Amino acid sequence: MVLRRPYGDKLVYISLECSCDWEREHGLQIVFKQGLYVNKIGPLDGILQIQMPMRKTS
């Protein structure tokens, strides 16, 4: 699947989505940014990058 973000950068992302027939939540998603860089390897959730938790600041 070829995608662009609706906001922010307008770069091209290619999402390779691998589903798991016997257990849906165990799919794999690999996202390439501009076809050159791996932007994400993680669960099949439709998100273009790994969501990092925000750090608490004191």
PDB file of N, CA and C in Angstrom:
ATOM      1  N   MET A   1       0.841  -1.150   0.000  1.00  0.00           N
ATOM      2  CA  MET A   1       0.000   0.000   0.000  1.00  0.00           C
ATOM      3  C   MET A   1       0.906   1.238   0.000  1.00  0.00           C
ATOM      4  N   VAL A   2       0.597   2.194  -0.829  1.00  0.00           N
ATOM      5  CA  VAL A   2       1.351   3.446  -0.884  1.00  0.00           C
ATOM      6  C   VAL A   2       0.498   4.533  -0.232  1.00  0.00           C
ATOM      7  N   LEU A   3       1.097   5.262   0.736  1.00  0.00           N
ATOM      8  CA  LEU A   3       0.346   6.245   1.518  1.00  0.00           C
ATOM      9  C   LEU A   3       1.089   7.560   1.599  1.00  0.00           C
ATOM     10  N   ARG A   4       0.342   8.612   1.889  1.00  0.00           N
ATOM     11  CA  ARG A   4       0.890   9.910   2.274  1.00  0.00           C
ATOM     12  C   ARG A   4       0.139  10.345   3.516  1.00  0.00           C
ATOM     13  N   ARG A   5       0.817  11.064   4.389  1.00  0.00           N
ATOM     14  CA  ARG A   5       0.162  11.566   5.597  1.00  0.00           C
ATOM     15  C   ARG A   5      -0.778  12.711   5.227  1.00  0.00           C
ATOM     16  N   PRO A   6      -1.901  12.822   5.914  1.00  0.00           N
ATOM     17  CA  PRO A   6      -2.826  13.927   5.624  1.00  0.00           C
ATOM     18  C   PRO A   6      -2.336  15.259   6.170  1.00  0.00           C
ATOM     19  N   TYR A   7      -1.343  15.251   7.038  1.00  0.00           N
ATOM     20  CA  TYR A   7      -0.792  16.463   7.638  1.00  0.00           C
ATOM     21  C   TYR A   7       0.712  16.258   7.834  1.00  0.00           C
ATOM     22  N   GLY A   8       1.431  17.304   8.148  1.00  0.00           N
ATOM     23  CA  GLY A   8       2.878  17.180   8.373  1.00  0.00           C
ATOM     24  C   GLY A   8       3.611  16.950   7.070  1.00  0.00           C
ATOM     25  N   ASP A   9       4.592  16.038   7.082  1.00  0.00           N
ATOM     26  CA  ASP A   9       5.349  15.798   5.851  1.00  0.00           C
ATOM     27  C   ASP A   9       4.450  15.143   4.806  1.00  0.00           C
ATOM     28  N   LYS A  10       4.721  15.420   3.571  1.00  0.00           N
ATOM     29  CA  LYS A  10       3.933  14.855   2.463  1.00  0.00           C
ATOM     30  C   LYS A  10       4.743  13.817   1.694  1.00  0.00           C
ATOM     31  N   LEU A  11       5.645  13.132   2.400  1.00  0.00           N
ATOM     32  CA  LEU A  11       6.492  12.126   1.785  1.00  0.00           C
ATOM     33  C   LEU A  11       5.689  10.871   1.462  1.00  0.00           C
ATOM     34  N   VAL A  12       6.229  10.037   0.610  1.00  0.00           N
ATOM     35  CA  VAL A  12       5.581   8.788   0.226  1.00  0.00           C
ATOM     36  C   VAL A  12       6.038   7.683   1.173  1.00  0.00           C
ATOM     37  N   TYR A  13       5.074   6.915   1.676  1.00  0.00           N
ATOM     38  CA  TYR A  13       5.353   5.768   2.539  1.00  0.00           C
ATOM     39  C   TYR A  13       4.807   4.522   1.870  1.00  0.00           C
ATOM     40  N   ILE A  14       5.587   3.436   1.906  1.00  0.00           N
ATOM     41  CA  ILE A  14       5.139   2.148   1.392  1.00  0.00           C
ATOM     42  C   ILE A  14       4.970   1.224   2.584  1.00  0.00           C
ATOM     43  N   SER A  15       3.752   0.711   2.741  1.00  0.00           N
ATOM     44  CA  SER A  15       3.442  -0.155   3.873  1.00  0.00           C
ATOM     45  C   SER A  15       3.265  -1.582   3.381  1.00  0.00           C
ATOM     46  N   LEU A  16       4.128  -2.475   3.846  1.00  0.00           N
ATOM     47  CA  LEU A  16       4.032  -3.899   3.555  1.00  0.00           C
ATOM     48  C   LEU A  16       3.310  -4.527   4.741  1.00  0.00           C
ATOM     49  N   GLU A  17       2.110  -5.053   4.485  1.00  0.00           N
ATOM     50  CA  GLU A  17       1.268  -5.561   5.573  1.00  0.00           C
ATOM     51  C   GLU A  17       1.112  -7.065   5.448  1.00  0.00           C
ATOM     52  N   CYS A  18       1.470  -7.773   6.510  1.00  0.00           N
ATOM     53  CA  CYS A  18       1.431  -9.235   6.538  1.00  0.00           C
ATOM     54  C   CYS A  18       0.454  -9.669   7.623  1.00  0.00           C
ATOM     55  N   SER A  19      -0.668 -10.211   7.198  1.00  0.00           N
ATOM     56  CA  SER A  19      -1.660 -10.642   8.189  1.00  0.00           C
ATOM     57  C   SER A  19      -1.382 -12.074   8.631  1.00  0.00           C
ATOM     58  N   CYS A  20      -1.961 -12.417   9.744  1.00  0.00           N
ATOM     59  CA  CYS A  20      -1.818 -13.750  10.319  1.00  0.00           C
ATOM     60  C   CYS A  20      -3.214 -14.378  10.341  1.00  0.00           C
ATOM     61  N   ASP A  21      -3.447 -15.402   9.537  1.00  0.00           N
ATOM     62  CA  ASP A  21      -4.779 -15.977   9.378  1.00  0.00           C
ATOM     63  C   ASP A  21      -5.362 -16.549  10.662  1.00  0.00           C
ATOM     64  N   TRP A  22      -4.527 -17.150  11.494  1.00  0.00           N
ATOM     65  CA  TRP A  22      -5.062 -17.827  12.669  1.00  0.00           C
ATOM     66  C   TRP A  22      -5.214 -16.910  13.880  1.00  0.00           C
ATOM     67  N   GLU A  23      -4.561 -15.743  13.885  1.00  0.00           N
ATOM     68  CA  GLU A  23      -4.712 -14.815  15.003  1.00  0.00           C
ATOM     69  C   GLU A  23      -4.483 -13.404  14.483  1.00  0.00           C
ATOM     70  N   ARG A  24      -5.560 -12.662  14.293  1.00  0.00           N
ATOM     71  CA  ARG A  24      -5.518 -11.373  13.600  1.00  0.00           C
ATOM     72  C   ARG A  24      -4.571 -10.356  14.233  1.00  0.00           C
ATOM     73  N   GLU A  25      -4.490 -10.319  15.560  1.00  0.00           N
ATOM     74  CA  GLU A  25      -3.664  -9.297  16.213  1.00  0.00           C
ATOM     75  C   GLU A  25      -2.167  -9.573  16.112  1.00  0.00           C
ATOM     76  N   HIS A  26      -1.766 -10.653  15.453  1.00  0.00           N
ATOM     77  CA  HIS A  26      -0.343 -10.963  15.319  1.00  0.00           C
ATOM     78  C   HIS A  26       0.197 -10.655  13.922  1.00  0.00           C
ATOM     79  N   GLY A  27      -0.419  -9.711  13.226  1.00  0.00           N
ATOM     80  CA  GLY A  27       0.079  -9.316  11.912  1.00  0.00           C
ATOM     81  C   GLY A  27       1.363  -8.497  12.029  1.00  0.00           C
ATOM     82  N   LEU A  28       2.060  -8.342  10.909  1.00  0.00           N
ATOM     83  CA  LEU A  28       3.320  -7.608  10.859  1.00  0.00           C
ATOM     84  C   LEU A  28       3.188  -6.486   9.843  1.00  0.00           C
ATOM     85  N   GLN A  29       3.748  -5.338  10.156  1.00  0.00           N
ATOM     86  CA  GLN A  29       3.752  -4.207   9.237  1.00  0.00           C
ATOM     87  C   GLN A  29       5.178  -3.666   9.133  1.00  0.00           C
ATOM     88  N   ILE A  30       5.638  -3.520   7.894  1.00  0.00           N
ATOM     89  CA  ILE A  30       6.937  -2.913   7.625  1.00  0.00           C
ATOM     90  C   ILE A  30       6.673  -1.689   6.764  1.00  0.00           C
ATOM     91  N   VAL A  31       7.131  -0.521   7.207  1.00  0.00           N
ATOM     92  CA  VAL A  31       6.883   0.731   6.496  1.00  0.00           C
ATOM     93  C   VAL A  31       8.215   1.299   6.013  1.00  0.00           C
ATOM     94  N   PHE A  32       8.257   1.624   4.735  1.00  0.00           N
ATOM     95  CA  PHE A  32       9.418   2.260   4.130  1.00  0.00           C
ATOM     96  C   PHE A  32       9.095   3.718   3.855  1.00  0.00           C
ATOM     97  N   LYS A  33       9.967   4.614   4.267  1.00  0.00           N
ATOM     98  CA  LYS A  33       9.799   6.049   4.034  1.00  0.00           C
ATOM     99  C   LYS A  33      10.513   6.406   2.739  1.00  0.00           C
ATOM    100  N   GLN A  34       9.772   6.930   1.768  1.00  0.00           N
ATOM    101  CA  GLN A  34      10.274   7.286   0.450  1.00  0.00           C
ATOM    102  C   GLN A  34      10.904   6.094  -0.269  1.00  0.00           C
ATOM    103  N   GLY A  35      10.583   4.887   0.160  1.00  0.00           N
ATOM    104  CA  GLY A  35      11.136   3.693  -0.454  1.00  0.00           C
ATOM    105  C   GLY A  35      12.613   3.475  -0.163  1.00  0.00           C
ATOM    106  N   LEU A  36      13.196   4.299   0.714  1.00  0.00           N
ATOM    107  CA  LEU A  36      14.633   4.232   0.975  1.00  0.00           C
ATOM    108  C   LEU A  36      14.982   3.778   2.383  1.00  0.00           C
ATOM    109  N   TYR A  37      14.146   4.124   3.352  1.00  0.00           N
ATOM    110  CA  TYR A  37      14.458   3.877   4.761  1.00  0.00           C
ATOM    111  C   TYR A  37      13.345   3.065   5.405  1.00  0.00           C
ATOM    112  N   VAL A  38      13.724   2.160   6.288  1.00  0.00           N
ATOM    113  CA  VAL A  38      12.719   1.447   7.075  1.00  0.00           C
ATOM    114  C   VAL A  38      12.280   2.389   8.192  1.00  0.00           C
ATOM    115  N   ASN A  39      11.015   2.742   8.197  1.00  0.00           N
ATOM    116  CA  ASN A  39      10.465   3.675   9.176  1.00  0.00           C
ATOM    117  C   ASN A  39       9.821   2.942  10.345  1.00  0.00           C
ATOM    118  N   LYS A  40       9.391   1.700  10.095  1.00  0.00           N
ATOM    119  CA  LYS A  40       8.718   0.938  11.158  1.00  0.00           C
ATOM    120  C   LYS A  40       8.765  -0.544  10.838  1.00  0.00           C
ATOM    121  N   ILE A  41       9.037  -1.334  11.848  1.00  0.00           N
ATOM    122  CA  ILE A  41       8.805  -2.783  11.830  1.00  0.00           C
ATOM    123  C   ILE A  41       8.049  -3.051  13.113  1.00  0.00           C
ATOM    124  N   GLY A  42       6.813  -3.479  12.991  1.00  0.00           N
ATOM    125  CA  GLY A  42       6.009  -3.662  14.195  1.00  0.00           C
ATOM    126  C   GLY A  42       4.671  -4.298  13.906  1.00  0.00           C
ATOM    127  N   PRO A  43       3.736  -4.155  14.836  1.00  0.00           N
ATOM    128  CA  PRO A  43       2.421  -4.781  14.681  1.00  0.00           C
ATOM    129  C   PRO A  43       1.633  -4.140  13.542  1.00  0.00           C
ATOM    130  N   LEU A  44       0.770  -4.927  12.926  1.00  0.00           N
ATOM    131  CA  LEU A  44      -0.083  -4.443  11.848  1.00  0.00           C
ATOM    132  C   LEU A  44      -1.205  -3.613  12.465  1.00  0.00           C
ATOM    133  N   ASP A  45      -1.007  -2.282  12.482  1.00  0.00           N
ATOM    134  CA  ASP A  45      -1.988  -1.394  13.098  1.00  0.00           C
ATOM    135  C   ASP A  45      -2.340  -0.203  12.217  1.00  0.00           C
ATOM    136  N   GLY A  46      -1.757  -0.129  11.017  1.00  0.00           N
ATOM    137  CA  GLY A  46      -2.078   0.948  10.098  1.00  0.00           C
ATOM    138  C   GLY A  46      -1.361   2.259  10.374  1.00  0.00           C
ATOM    139  N   ILE A  47      -0.541   2.313  11.410  1.00  0.00           N
ATOM    140  CA  ILE A  47       0.187   3.530  11.763  1.00  0.00           C
ATOM    141  C   ILE A  47       1.530   3.502  11.033  1.00  0.00           C
ATOM    142  N   LEU A  48       1.971   4.646  10.509  1.00  0.00           N
ATOM    143  CA  LEU A  48       3.171   4.703   9.676  1.00  0.00           C
ATOM    144  C   LEU A  48       4.482   4.711  10.443  1.00  0.00           C
ATOM    145  N   GLN A  49       4.443   4.907  11.740  1.00  0.00           N
ATOM    146  CA  GLN A  49       5.684   4.888  12.520  1.00  0.00           C
ATOM    147  C   GLN A  49       5.411   4.328  13.902  1.00  0.00           C
ATOM    148  N   ILE A  50       6.462   3.904  14.567  1.00  0.00           N
ATOM    149  CA  ILE A  50       6.333   3.410  15.940  1.00  0.00           C
ATOM    150  C   ILE A  50       5.984   4.598  16.824  1.00  0.00           C
ATOM    151  N   GLN A  51       4.979   4.459  17.621  1.00  0.00           N
ATOM    152  CA  GLN A  51       4.568   5.518  18.535  1.00  0.00           C
ATOM    153  C   GLN A  51       5.381   5.399  19.810  1.00  0.00           C
ATOM    154  N   MET A  52       6.211   6.387  20.062  1.00  0.00           N
ATOM    155  CA  MET A  52       7.051   6.381  21.261  1.00  0.00           C
ATOM    156  C   MET A  52       6.287   7.047  22.408  1.00  0.00           C
ATOM    157  N   PRO A  53       6.317   6.455  23.579  1.00  0.00           N
ATOM    158  CA  PRO A  53       5.637   7.094  24.716  1.00  0.00           C
ATOM    159  C   PRO A  53       6.303   8.420  25.066  1.00  0.00           C
ATOM    160  N   MET A  54       5.516   9.376  25.473  1.00  0.00           N
ATOM    161  CA  MET A  54       6.071  10.670  25.865  1.00  0.00           C
ATOM    162  C   MET A  54       6.765  10.544  27.195  1.00  0.00           C
ATOM    163  N   ARG A  55       7.922  11.182  27.313  1.00  0.00           N
ATOM    164  CA  ARG A  55       8.662  11.155  28.581  1.00  0.00           C
ATOM    165  C   ARG A  55       8.069  12.152  29.542  1.00  0.00           C
ATOM    166  N   LYS A  56       8.045  11.761  30.793  1.00  0.00           N
ATOM    167  CA  LYS A  56       7.601  12.672  31.842  1.00  0.00           C
ATOM    168  C   LYS A  56       8.683  13.676  32.129  1.00  0.00           C
ATOM    169  N   THR A  57       8.321  14.920  32.205  1.00  0.00           N
ATOM    170  CA  THR A  57       9.285  15.931  32.590  1.00  0.00           C
ATOM    171  C   THR A  57       8.952  16.409  33.982  1.00  0.00           C
ATOM    172  N   SER A  58       9.977  16.650  34.794  1.00  0.00           N
ATOM    173  CA  SER A  58       9.708  17.077  36.157  1.00  0.00           C
ATOM    174  C   SER A  58       9.886  18.557  36.325  1.00  0.00           C
TER     175      SER A  58
END
